[in-house]
Protein backbone atom coordinates (compact mmCIF):
# COMPACT_ATOMS: atom_id res chain seq x y z
CA MET A 1 97.86 80.06 51.70
CA ILE A 2 101.17 79.75 49.89
CA VAL A 3 101.36 75.97 50.26
CA ASN A 4 97.70 75.50 49.36
CA ALA A 5 98.16 77.63 46.25
CA LEU A 6 101.25 75.66 45.20
CA ASP A 7 99.20 72.47 45.66
CA GLY A 8 96.29 73.85 43.63
CA LYS A 9 94.02 73.68 46.69
CA PRO A 10 91.33 76.22 47.58
CA LEU A 11 92.42 79.41 49.33
CA PRO A 12 89.65 79.93 51.91
CA VAL A 13 88.88 83.54 52.77
CA TYR A 14 86.33 84.31 55.50
CA GLY A 15 83.27 86.32 54.45
CA ASP A 16 84.21 89.01 51.95
CA GLY A 17 87.84 89.12 53.12
CA ARG A 18 87.62 92.74 54.23
CA GLN A 19 88.84 92.01 57.78
CA ILE A 20 91.83 94.26 58.49
CA ARG A 21 95.00 92.95 60.10
CA ASP A 22 98.39 94.51 60.82
CA TRP A 23 101.02 92.47 58.99
CA LEU A 24 104.59 92.12 60.22
CA TYR A 25 107.48 90.29 58.58
CA VAL A 26 108.75 87.46 60.78
CA GLU A 27 112.34 88.73 61.03
CA ASP A 28 111.11 92.17 62.10
CA HIS A 29 109.10 90.44 64.81
CA ALA A 30 112.13 88.43 65.95
CA ARG A 31 114.29 91.58 66.06
CA ALA A 32 111.65 93.35 68.15
CA LEU A 33 111.37 90.43 70.58
CA TYR A 34 115.15 90.34 70.99
CA LEU A 35 115.26 94.09 71.61
CA VAL A 36 112.51 93.88 74.23
CA ALA A 37 114.29 90.97 75.95
CA THR A 38 117.66 92.70 76.00
CA LYS A 39 116.84 96.40 76.32
CA GLY A 40 113.23 96.62 77.48
CA SER A 41 112.25 97.59 80.98
CA ILE A 42 111.32 94.68 83.25
CA SER A 43 107.55 94.33 83.75
CA GLU A 44 106.79 96.69 80.82
CA THR A 45 104.59 95.69 77.92
CA TYR A 46 105.55 96.56 74.35
CA ASN A 47 103.19 96.16 71.42
CA ILE A 48 104.93 95.07 68.24
CA GLY A 49 103.23 96.14 65.04
CA GLY A 50 104.11 96.34 61.40
CA HIS A 51 102.32 99.56 60.50
CA ASN A 52 100.98 97.50 57.58
CA GLU A 53 97.21 97.32 57.97
CA MET A 54 95.66 95.45 55.08
CA ALA A 55 92.50 93.52 54.28
CA ASN A 56 92.87 89.73 54.27
CA ILE A 57 91.62 89.48 50.67
CA ASP A 58 94.33 91.89 49.55
CA VAL A 59 96.98 89.77 51.26
CA VAL A 60 95.73 86.64 49.51
CA LYS A 61 95.63 88.41 46.14
CA THR A 62 99.18 89.67 46.69
CA ILE A 63 100.37 86.13 47.45
CA CYS A 64 98.64 84.88 44.28
CA SER A 65 100.28 87.58 42.17
CA LEU A 66 103.73 86.87 43.60
CA LEU A 67 103.33 83.15 43.00
CA GLU A 68 102.35 83.85 39.40
CA GLU A 69 105.50 85.94 39.05
CA PHE A 70 107.84 83.38 40.64
CA ALA A 71 106.13 80.03 39.98
CA PRO A 72 103.39 80.16 37.34
CA PRO A 73 100.72 77.50 37.87
CA ALA A 74 101.78 74.11 36.54
CA PRO A 75 99.37 72.35 34.19
CA ARG A 76 99.13 69.46 36.67
CA HIS A 77 97.03 71.57 39.03
CA SER A 78 93.30 71.65 38.64
CA CYS A 79 90.65 73.79 40.23
CA GLY A 80 87.43 71.83 40.25
CA SER A 81 86.93 70.48 36.75
CA ARG A 82 89.24 72.95 34.96
CA ASN A 83 92.98 73.40 34.73
CA LEU A 84 94.36 76.14 36.93
CA VAL A 85 95.13 79.23 34.87
CA SER A 86 95.76 81.63 37.76
CA TYR A 87 96.31 81.19 41.48
CA HIS A 88 93.58 83.80 41.90
CA ASP A 89 91.15 81.13 40.63
CA LEU A 90 91.73 79.25 43.90
CA ILE A 91 90.34 82.04 46.10
CA THR A 92 87.24 80.64 47.78
CA PHE A 93 84.99 82.70 50.02
CA VAL A 94 83.73 80.74 53.02
CA LYS A 95 81.19 81.56 55.70
CA ASP A 96 82.66 83.88 58.29
CA ARG A 97 83.05 82.75 61.89
CA PRO A 98 80.57 84.17 64.40
CA GLY A 99 82.07 87.10 66.27
CA HIS A 100 85.04 87.41 63.89
CA ASP A 101 86.62 90.82 64.47
CA LEU A 102 86.60 93.11 61.45
CA ARG A 103 89.80 94.86 62.45
CA TYR A 104 92.75 94.15 64.70
CA ALA A 105 95.01 97.09 65.38
CA ILE A 106 97.59 98.00 67.97
CA ASP A 107 99.51 101.09 68.92
CA ALA A 108 103.19 100.25 68.51
CA ASN A 109 104.44 103.75 69.30
CA LYS A 110 105.87 102.82 72.72
CA ILE A 111 108.43 100.34 71.38
CA GLU A 112 109.58 102.89 68.81
CA GLN A 113 109.75 105.77 71.27
CA GLU A 114 111.39 103.87 74.15
CA LEU A 115 113.54 101.33 72.33
CA GLY A 116 113.93 102.86 68.87
CA TRP A 117 112.43 99.86 67.07
CA LYS A 118 110.40 100.01 63.92
CA PRO A 119 109.96 97.45 61.17
CA GLU A 120 112.67 97.29 58.53
CA GLU A 121 110.36 95.66 55.99
CA THR A 122 107.28 97.06 54.30
CA PHE A 123 104.36 94.75 53.66
CA ASP A 124 105.45 94.38 50.03
CA SER A 125 109.09 93.56 50.78
CA GLY A 126 108.18 91.21 53.63
CA ILE A 127 105.52 89.23 51.73
CA ARG A 128 107.87 88.94 48.75
CA LYS A 129 110.59 87.50 51.00
CA THR A 130 108.05 85.15 52.61
CA VAL A 131 106.83 83.77 49.28
CA GLU A 132 110.42 83.36 48.08
CA TRP A 133 111.29 81.52 51.32
CA TYR A 134 108.48 79.01 50.78
CA LEU A 135 109.54 78.46 47.17
CA ASN A 136 113.17 77.92 48.20
CA ASN A 137 112.43 75.67 51.21
CA GLU A 138 109.91 73.12 49.98
CA ALA A 139 112.08 70.29 51.32
CA TRP A 140 111.52 71.62 54.85
CA TRP A 141 107.84 72.59 54.79
CA SER A 142 106.79 69.48 52.86
CA ARG A 143 108.24 67.38 55.70
CA VAL A 144 106.22 69.41 58.22
CA LEU A 145 103.05 68.77 56.21
CA ASP A 146 103.61 65.04 55.68
CA GLY A 147 104.52 64.51 59.34
CA SER A 148 108.10 63.34 58.77
CA TYR A 149 109.66 66.43 60.41
CA SER A 150 110.25 65.48 64.03
CA ARG A 151 111.61 68.76 65.39
CA GLU A 152 115.24 67.83 64.88
CA ARG A 153 117.74 70.65 64.99
CA LEU A 154 118.19 72.18 61.55
CA GLY A 155 121.13 74.57 62.06
CA ALA A 156 124.83 73.93 61.76
CA GLU A 157 126.18 71.73 64.52
CA GLY A 158 127.28 73.63 67.59
CA LYS A 159 125.49 76.84 66.62
């Protein structure tokens, strides 16, 4: 959604966008996975959740608002036959998939109770960091999109 918005492309949202999902910031997920791998009981299952249930349409609108704050639409973008005034103009409702679940939810109490893990980020802080990351790392994600990224190691040598 972020890249499409920056490119002035449609932001497809299934149906009315009211499907509920539990959103989790990527670094919170990585911390939880590490904790399970290092401190979890062997053969146990731990659900990792963000405690951030939100409708898809609200997520897309939040992304649009953050992009308008950080990177207002450039005049070069167009939406159909008109210049893009707001990223919200790119939201496009598309036919929903058959059998698309209206809500995904998990109970993440076990990982908190047994391992003491809970997300450090709220939805708002995590989505803000995500949008900022995309804005600050265009050189990387543009190479993924154009096919020139070939999975080479990106970190400092030896680390």
